[in-house]
PDB file of all heavy atoms in Angstrom:
ATOM      1  N   TYR A   1     103.624 103.983 110.380  1.00  0.00           N
ATOM      2  CA  TYR A   1     103.980 105.308 109.770  1.00  0.00           C
ATOM      3  C   TYR A   1     104.234 105.074 108.332  1.00  0.00           C
ATOM      4  O   TYR A   1     105.161 104.339 107.986  1.00  0.00           O
ATOM      5  CB  TYR A   1     105.233 105.898 110.412  1.00  0.00           C
ATOM      6  CG  TYR A   1     105.309 107.321 110.109  1.00  0.00           C
ATOM      7  CD1 TYR A   1     104.816 108.354 110.959  1.00  0.00           C
ATOM      8  CD2 TYR A   1     106.076 107.719 108.995  1.00  0.00           C
ATOM      9  CE1 TYR A   1     105.048 109.714 110.603  1.00  0.00           C
ATOM     10  CE2 TYR A   1     106.248 109.075 108.701  1.00  0.00           C
ATOM     11  CZ  TYR A   1     105.728 110.054 109.503  1.00  0.00           C
ATOM     12  OH  TYR A   1     105.846 111.348 109.180  1.00  0.00           O
ATOM     13  N   VAL A   2     103.415 105.586 107.527  1.00  0.00           N
ATOM     14  CA  VAL A   2     103.426 105.316 106.050  1.00  0.00           C
ATOM     15  C   VAL A   2     104.110 106.603 105.385  1.00  0.00           C
ATOM     16  O   VAL A   2     103.658 107.658 105.491  1.00  0.00           O
ATOM     17  CB  VAL A   2     102.132 105.135 105.399  1.00  0.00           C
ATOM     18  CG1 VAL A   2     102.186 104.867 103.916  1.00  0.00           C
ATOM     19  CG2 VAL A   2     101.347 103.889 106.078  1.00  0.00           C
ATOM     20  N   TYR A   3     105.271 106.303 104.706  1.00  0.00           N
ATOM     21  CA  TYR A   3     106.058 107.371 104.024  1.00  0.00           C
ATOM     22  C   TYR A   3     105.383 107.683 102.700  1.00  0.00           C
ATOM     23  O   TYR A   3     105.295 106.845 101.833  1.00  0.00           O
ATOM     24  CB  TYR A   3     107.457 107.069 103.917  1.00  0.00           C
ATOM     25  CG  TYR A   3     108.284 107.000 105.181  1.00  0.00           C
ATOM     26  CD1 TYR A   3     108.526 105.723 105.772  1.00  0.00           C
ATOM     27  CD2 TYR A   3     108.623 108.069 105.813  1.00  0.00           C
ATOM     28  CE1 TYR A   3     109.235 105.575 106.886  1.00  0.00           C
ATOM     29  CE2 TYR A   3     109.421 108.047 107.032  1.00  0.00           C
ATOM     30  CZ  TYR A   3     109.629 106.762 107.549  1.00  0.00           C
ATOM     31  OH  TYR A   3     110.341 106.643 108.775  1.00  0.00           O
ATOM     32  N   THR A   4     105.084 108.957 102.464  1.00  0.00           N
ATOM     33  CA  THR A   4     104.624 109.343 101.133  1.00  0.00           C
ATOM     34  C   THR A   4     105.839 109.827 100.207  1.00  0.00           C
ATOM     35  O   THR A   4     105.677 109.856  98.992  1.00  0.00           O
ATOM     36  CB  THR A   4     103.550 110.499 101.231  1.00  0.00           C
ATOM     37  OG1 THR A   4     104.227 111.630 101.987  1.00  0.00           O
ATOM     38  CG2 THR A   4     102.384 110.073 101.975  1.00  0.00           C
ATOM     39  N   ASP A   5     106.907 110.228 100.933  1.00  0.00           N
ATOM     40  CA  ASP A   5     108.135 110.550 100.208  1.00  0.00           C
ATOM     41  C   ASP A   5     109.343 110.011 100.959  1.00  0.00           C
ATOM     42  O   ASP A   5     109.655 110.541 102.013  1.00  0.00           O
ATOM     43  CB  ASP A   5     108.178 112.102 100.076  1.00  0.00           C
ATOM     44  CG  ASP A   5     109.441 112.504  99.172  1.00  0.00           C
ATOM     45  OD1 ASP A   5     110.315 111.779  99.066  1.00  0.00           O
ATOM     46  OD2 ASP A   5     109.294 113.630  98.568  1.00  0.00           O
ATOM     47  N   PRO A   6     109.872 108.891 100.488  1.00  0.00           N
ATOM     48  CA  PRO A   6     110.994 108.234 101.226  1.00  0.00           C
ATOM     49  C   PRO A   6     112.278 109.106 101.269  1.00  0.00           C
ATOM     50  O   PRO A   6     113.172 108.796 102.042  1.00  0.00           O
ATOM     51  CB  PRO A   6     111.228 106.971 100.457  1.00  0.00           C
ATOM     52  CG  PRO A   6     110.671 107.213  98.987  1.00  0.00           C
ATOM     53  CD  PRO A   6     109.635 108.246  99.247  1.00  0.00           C
ATOM     54  N   VAL A   7     112.351 110.155 100.460  1.00  0.00           N
ATOM     55  CA  VAL A   7     113.581 111.010 100.379  1.00  0.00           C
ATOM     56  C   VAL A   7     113.447 112.030 101.560  1.00  0.00           C
ATOM     57  O   VAL A   7     114.394 112.244 102.236  1.00  0.00           O
ATOM     58  CB  VAL A   7     113.709 111.752  99.048  1.00  0.00           C
ATOM     59  CG1 VAL A   7     114.862 112.665  99.083  1.00  0.00           C
ATOM     60  CG2 VAL A   7     113.869 110.649  97.896  1.00  0.00           C
ATOM     61  N   THR A   8     112.228 112.753 101.641  1.00  0.00           N
ATOM     62  CA  THR A   8     112.176 113.772 102.671  1.00  0.00           C
ATOM     63  C   THR A   8     111.505 113.184 103.921  1.00  0.00           C
ATOM     64  O   THR A   8     111.377 113.901 104.950  1.00  0.00           O
ATOM     65  CB  THR A   8     111.188 114.842 102.141  1.00  0.00           C
ATOM     66  OG1 THR A   8     109.883 114.234 101.844  1.00  0.00           O
ATOM     67  CG2 THR A   8     111.713 115.481 100.873  1.00  0.00           C
ATOM     68  N   TYR A   9     111.113 111.873 104.000  1.00  0.00           N
ATOM     69  CA  TYR A   9     110.533 111.281 105.030  1.00  0.00           C
ATOM     70  C   TYR A   9     109.135 111.819 105.461  1.00  0.00           C
ATOM     71  O   TYR A   9     108.639 111.710 106.562  1.00  0.00           O
ATOM     72  CB  TYR A   9     111.405 111.246 106.245  1.00  0.00           C
ATOM     73  CG  TYR A   9     112.738 110.562 106.048  1.00  0.00           C
ATOM     74  CD1 TYR A   9     113.894 111.303 106.013  1.00  0.00           C
ATOM     75  CD2 TYR A   9     112.744 109.211 105.888  1.00  0.00           C
ATOM     76  CE1 TYR A   9     115.108 110.691 105.820  1.00  0.00           C
ATOM     77  CE2 TYR A   9     113.979 108.605 105.570  1.00  0.00           C
ATOM     78  CZ  TYR A   9     115.191 109.287 105.631  1.00  0.00           C
ATOM     79  OH  TYR A   9     116.392 108.730 105.324  1.00  0.00           O
ATOM     80  N   ASP A  10     108.476 112.461 104.505  1.00  0.00           N
ATOM     81  CA  ASP A  10     107.107 112.978 104.721  1.00  0.00           C
ATOM     82  C   ASP A  10     106.266 111.793 104.656  1.00  0.00           C
ATOM     83  O   ASP A  10     106.403 110.764 104.066  1.00  0.00           O
ATOM     84  CB  ASP A  10     106.695 113.903 103.512  1.00  0.00           C
ATOM     85  CG  ASP A  10     107.519 115.323 103.640  1.00  0.00           C
ATOM     86  OD1 ASP A  10     107.855 115.617 104.769  1.00  0.00           O
ATOM     87  OD2 ASP A  10     107.545 115.981 102.600  1.00  0.00           O
ATOM     88  N   GLY A  11     105.150 111.901 105.551  1.00  0.00           N
ATOM     89  CA  GLY A  11     104.127 110.805 105.705  1.00  0.00           C
ATOM     90  C   GLY A  11     103.362 110.959 106.974  1.00  0.00           C
ATOM     91  O   GLY A  11     103.261 112.060 107.435  1.00  0.00           O
ATOM     92  N   GLY A  12     102.728 109.861 107.336  1.00  0.00           N
ATOM     93  CA  GLY A  12     101.882 109.942 108.578  1.00  0.00           C
ATOM     94  C   GLY A  12     101.474 108.544 108.965  1.00  0.00           C
ATOM     95  O   GLY A  12     101.582 107.544 108.245  1.00  0.00           O
ATOM     96  N   TYR A  13     100.858 108.458 110.086  1.00  0.00           N
ATOM     97  CA  TYR A  13     100.239 107.277 110.669  1.00  0.00           C
ATOM     98  C   TYR A  13      98.924 106.955 109.904  1.00  0.00           C
ATOM     99  O   TYR A  13      98.083 107.746 109.598  1.00  0.00           O
ATOM    100  CB  TYR A  13     100.004 107.387 112.145  1.00  0.00           C
ATOM    101  CG  TYR A  13     101.276 107.450 112.960  1.00  0.00           C
ATOM    102  CD1 TYR A  13     101.806 108.581 113.413  1.00  0.00           C
ATOM    103  CD2 TYR A  13     101.971 106.305 113.209  1.00  0.00           C
ATOM    104  CE1 TYR A  13     102.949 108.721 114.068  1.00  0.00           C
ATOM    105  CE2 TYR A  13     103.191 106.326 113.957  1.00  0.00           C
ATOM    106  CZ  TYR A  13     103.596 107.518 114.417  1.00  0.00           C
ATOM    107  OH  TYR A  13     104.799 107.564 115.103  1.00  0.00           O
ATOM    108  N   ASP A  14      98.758 105.587 109.607  1.00  0.00           N
ATOM    109  CA  ASP A  14      97.619 105.187 108.927  1.00  0.00           C
ATOM    110  C   ASP A  14      97.328 103.634 109.283  1.00  0.00           C
ATOM    111  O   ASP A  14      98.285 102.956 109.662  1.00  0.00           O
ATOM    112  CB  ASP A  14      97.768 105.390 107.339  1.00  0.00           C
ATOM    113  CG  ASP A  14      96.431 105.486 106.664  1.00  0.00           C
ATOM    114  OD1 ASP A  14      95.413 105.287 107.303  1.00  0.00           O
ATOM    115  OD2 ASP A  14      96.482 105.776 105.455  1.00  0.00           O
ATOM    116  N   ASN A  15      96.141 103.346 109.045  1.00  0.00           N
ATOM    117  CA  ASN A  15      95.822 101.898 109.123  1.00  0.00           C
ATOM    118  C   ASN A  15      96.146 101.179 107.839  1.00  0.00           C
ATOM    119  O   ASN A  15      95.515 101.494 106.795  1.00  0.00           O
ATOM    120  CB  ASN A  15      94.313 101.624 109.429  1.00  0.00           C
ATOM    121  CG  ASN A  15      93.904 102.114 110.781  1.00  0.00           C
ATOM    122  OD1 ASN A  15      93.320 103.199 110.890  1.00  0.00           O
ATOM    123  ND2 ASN A  15      94.172 101.318 111.867  1.00  0.00           N
ATOM    124  N   VAL A  16      97.093 100.312 107.762  1.00  0.00           N
ATOM    125  CA  VAL A  16      97.540  99.733 106.423  1.00  0.00           C
ATOM    126  C   VAL A  16      96.555  98.712 106.107  1.00  0.00           C
ATOM    127  O   VAL A  16      95.894  98.078 106.915  1.00  0.00           O
ATOM    128  CB  VAL A  16      98.939  99.210 106.622  1.00  0.00           C
ATOM    129  CG1 VAL A  16      99.927 100.249 106.928  1.00  0.00           C
ATOM    130  CG2 VAL A  16      98.995  98.049 107.592  1.00  0.00           C
ATOM    131  N   ASP A  17      96.392  98.467 104.775  1.00  0.00           N
ATOM    132  CA  ASP A  17      95.397  97.483 104.272  1.00  0.00           C
ATOM    133  C   ASP A  17      95.939  96.034 104.534  1.00  0.00           C
ATOM    134  O   ASP A  17      95.063  95.158 104.509  1.00  0.00           O
ATOM    135  CB  ASP A  17      95.198  97.761 102.764  1.00  0.00           C
ATOM    136  CG  ASP A  17      94.586  99.055 102.473  1.00  0.00           C
ATOM    137  OD1 ASP A  17      93.734  99.529 103.376  1.00  0.00           O
ATOM    138  OD2 ASP A  17      94.872  99.702 101.390  1.00  0.00           O
ATOM    139  N   ARG A  18      97.168  95.832 104.590  1.00  0.00           N
ATOM    140  CA  ARG A  18      97.736  94.495 104.683  1.00  0.00           C
ATOM    141  C   ARG A  18      97.512  93.881 106.122  1.00  0.00           C
ATOM    142  O   ARG A  18      97.677  94.510 107.086  1.00  0.00           O
ATOM    143  CB  ARG A  18      99.204  94.550 104.353  1.00  0.00           C
ATOM    144  CG  ARG A  18      99.906  93.212 104.329  1.00  0.00           C
ATOM    145  CD  ARG A  18     101.336  93.420 103.944  1.00  0.00           C
ATOM    146  NE  ARG A  18     102.105  92.207 103.996  1.00  0.00           N
ATOM    147  CZ  ARG A  18     103.429  92.111 103.874  1.00  0.00           C
ATOM    148  NH1 ARG A  18     104.168  93.267 103.671  1.00  0.00           N
ATOM    149  NH2 ARG A  18     104.016  90.963 103.858  1.00  0.00           N
ATOM    150  N   ASP A  19      97.173  92.638 106.026  1.00  0.00           N
ATOM    151  CA  ASP A  19      97.137  91.841 107.423  1.00  0.00           C
ATOM    152  C   ASP A  19      98.373  91.118 107.588  1.00  0.00           C
ATOM    153  O   ASP A  19      99.134  90.762 106.612  1.00  0.00           O
ATOM    154  CB  ASP A  19      96.007  90.867 107.296  1.00  0.00           C
ATOM    155  CG  ASP A  19      94.645  91.572 107.254  1.00  0.00           C
ATOM    156  OD1 ASP A  19      94.513  92.694 107.550  1.00  0.00           O
ATOM    157  OD2 ASP A  19      93.637  90.851 106.824  1.00  0.00           O
ATOM    158  N   PHE A  20      98.689  90.874 108.814  1.00  0.00           N
ATOM    159  CA  PHE A  20      99.943  90.079 109.251  1.00  0.00           C
ATOM    160  C   PHE A  20      99.531  88.965 110.078  1.00  0.00           C
ATOM    161  O   PHE A  20      98.613  88.968 110.883  1.00  0.00           O
ATOM    162  CB  PHE A  20     100.903  90.941 109.915  1.00  0.00           C
ATOM    163  CG  PHE A  20     101.325  92.269 109.174  1.00  0.00           C
ATOM    164  CD1 PHE A  20     100.622  93.422 109.386  1.00  0.00           C
ATOM    165  CD2 PHE A  20     102.371  92.122 108.284  1.00  0.00           C
ATOM    166  CE1 PHE A  20     101.012  94.515 108.694  1.00  0.00           C
ATOM    167  CE2 PHE A  20     102.759  93.306 107.581  1.00  0.00           C
ATOM    168  CZ  PHE A  20     101.999  94.454 107.771  1.00  0.00           C
ATOM    169  N   LYS A  21     100.224  87.745 109.866  1.00  0.00           N
ATOM    170  CA  LYS A  21      99.960  86.532 110.569  1.00  0.00           C
ATOM    171  C   LYS A  21     101.207  86.046 111.313  1.00  0.00           C
ATOM    172  O   LYS A  21     102.353  86.089 110.811  1.00  0.00           O
ATOM    173  CB  LYS A  21      99.456  85.496 109.697  1.00  0.00           C
ATOM    174  CG  LYS A  21      99.116  84.166 110.409  1.00  0.00           C
ATOM    175  CD  LYS A  21      98.531  83.092 109.464  1.00  0.00           C
ATOM    176  CE  LYS A  21      97.202  83.479 109.035  1.00  0.00           C
ATOM    177  NZ  LYS A  21      96.626  82.364 108.166  1.00  0.00           N
ATOM    178  N   VAL A  22     101.039  85.731 112.623  1.00  0.00           N
ATOM    179  CA  VAL A  22     102.171  85.249 113.469  1.00  0.00           C
ATOM    180  C   VAL A  22     101.725  83.906 113.960  1.00  0.00           C
ATOM    181  O   VAL A  22     100.569  83.697 114.306  1.00  0.00           O
ATOM    182  CB  VAL A  22     102.452  86.181 114.689  1.00  0.00           C
ATOM    183  CG1 VAL A  22     103.627  85.681 115.384  1.00  0.00           C
ATOM    184  CG2 VAL A  22     102.720  87.630 114.185  1.00  0.00           C
ATOM    185  N   ARG A  23     102.621  82.949 113.957  1.00  0.00           N
ATOM    186  CA  ARG A  23     102.324  81.672 114.535  1.00  0.00           C
ATOM    187  C   ARG A  23     103.455  81.168 115.381  1.00  0.00           C
ATOM    188  O   ARG A  23     104.651  81.680 115.212  1.00  0.00           O
ATOM    189  CB  ARG A  23     102.070  80.620 113.425  1.00  0.00           C
ATOM    190  CG  ARG A  23     103.272  80.350 112.516  1.00  0.00           C
ATOM    191  CD  ARG A  23     102.933  79.171 111.534  1.00  0.00           C
ATOM    192  NE  ARG A  23     101.884  79.530 110.672  1.00  0.00           N
ATOM    193  CZ  ARG A  23     101.999  80.160 109.485  1.00  0.00           C
ATOM    194  NH1 ARG A  23     103.116  80.575 109.094  1.00  0.00           N
ATOM    195  NH2 ARG A  23     100.948  80.426 108.777  1.00  0.00           N
ATOM    196  N   GLY A  24     103.184  80.215 116.272  1.00  0.00           N
ATOM    197  CA  GLY A  24     104.281  79.750 117.122  1.00  0.00           C
ATOM    198  C   GLY A  24     103.910  78.534 117.954  1.00  0.00           C
ATOM    199  O   GLY A  24     102.741  78.180 117.986  1.00  0.00           O
ATOM    200  N   VAL A  25     104.832  78.034 118.691  1.00  0.00           N
ATOM    201  CA  VAL A  25     104.711  76.869 119.543  1.00  0.00           C
ATOM    202  C   VAL A  25     105.347  77.129 120.834  1.00  0.00           C
ATOM    203  O   VAL A  25     106.510  77.691 120.861  1.00  0.00           O
ATOM    204  CB  VAL A  25     105.271  75.622 118.916  1.00  0.00           C
ATOM    205  CG1 VAL A  25     105.142  74.377 119.919  1.00  0.00           C
ATOM    206  CG2 VAL A  25     104.463  75.274 117.656  1.00  0.00           C
ATOM    207  N   GLU A  26     104.770  76.783 122.018  1.00  0.00           N
ATOM    208  CA  GLU A  26     105.422  76.937 123.193  1.00  0.00           C
ATOM    209  C   GLU A  26     105.341  75.587 123.984  1.00  0.00           C
ATOM    210  O   GLU A  26     104.310  74.982 123.976  1.00  0.00           O
ATOM    211  CB  GLU A  26     104.580  78.033 124.149  1.00  0.00           C
ATOM    212  CG  GLU A  26     104.814  79.444 123.570  1.00  0.00           C
ATOM    213  CD  GLU A  26     103.854  80.374 124.115  1.00  0.00           C
ATOM    214  OE1 GLU A  26     103.123  80.090 125.201  1.00  0.00           O
ATOM    215  OE2 GLU A  26     103.711  81.595 123.689  1.00  0.00           O
ATOM    216  N   VAL A  27     106.419  75.329 124.570  1.00  0.00           N
ATOM    217  CA  VAL A  27     106.514  74.047 125.327  1.00  0.00           C
ATOM    218  C   VAL A  27     107.126  74.339 126.686  1.00  0.00           C
ATOM    219  O   VAL A  27     108.112  75.064 126.829  1.00  0.00           O
ATOM    220  CB  VAL A  27     107.405  72.998 124.597  1.00  0.00           C
ATOM    221  CG1 VAL A  27     107.493  71.664 125.415  1.00  0.00           C
ATOM    222  CG2 VAL A  27     106.908  72.653 123.248  1.00  0.00           C
ATOM    223  N   GLU A  28     106.433  73.731 127.747  1.00  0.00           N
ATOM    224  CA  GLU A  28     106.932  73.994 129.098  1.00  0.00           C
ATOM    225  C   GLU A  28     106.931  72.655 129.849  1.00  0.00           C
ATOM    226  O   GLU A  28     106.105  71.798 129.676  1.00  0.00           O
ATOM    227  CB  GLU A  28     106.005  74.906 129.859  1.00  0.00           C
ATOM    228  CG  GLU A  28     105.919  76.325 129.273  1.00  0.00           C
ATOM    229  CD  GLU A  28     104.936  77.154 129.909  1.00  0.00           C
ATOM    230  OE1 GLU A  28     104.375  76.796 130.955  1.00  0.00           O
ATOM    231  OE2 GLU A  28     104.585  78.315 129.396  1.00  0.00           O
ATOM    232  N   ALA A  29     107.898  72.506 130.738  1.00  0.00           N
ATOM    233  CA  ALA A  29     108.021  71.322 131.670  1.00  0.00           C
ATOM    234  C   ALA A  29     108.492  71.742 133.053  1.00  0.00           C
ATOM    235  O   ALA A  29     109.469  72.549 133.158  1.00  0.00           O
ATOM    236  CB  ALA A  29     108.922  70.299 131.007  1.00  0.00           C
TER     237      ALA A  29
END
C-alpha cells in the first residue's frame, strides 16, 4: 500500500519498484 499523502493516508496498492532479499540458515538434528 503506497501512500500518496501521508497526512490523509490517501494512496493505493501498487507493485513497488524495489526488490527485497532475505537470507538465512536452518540447522536440524
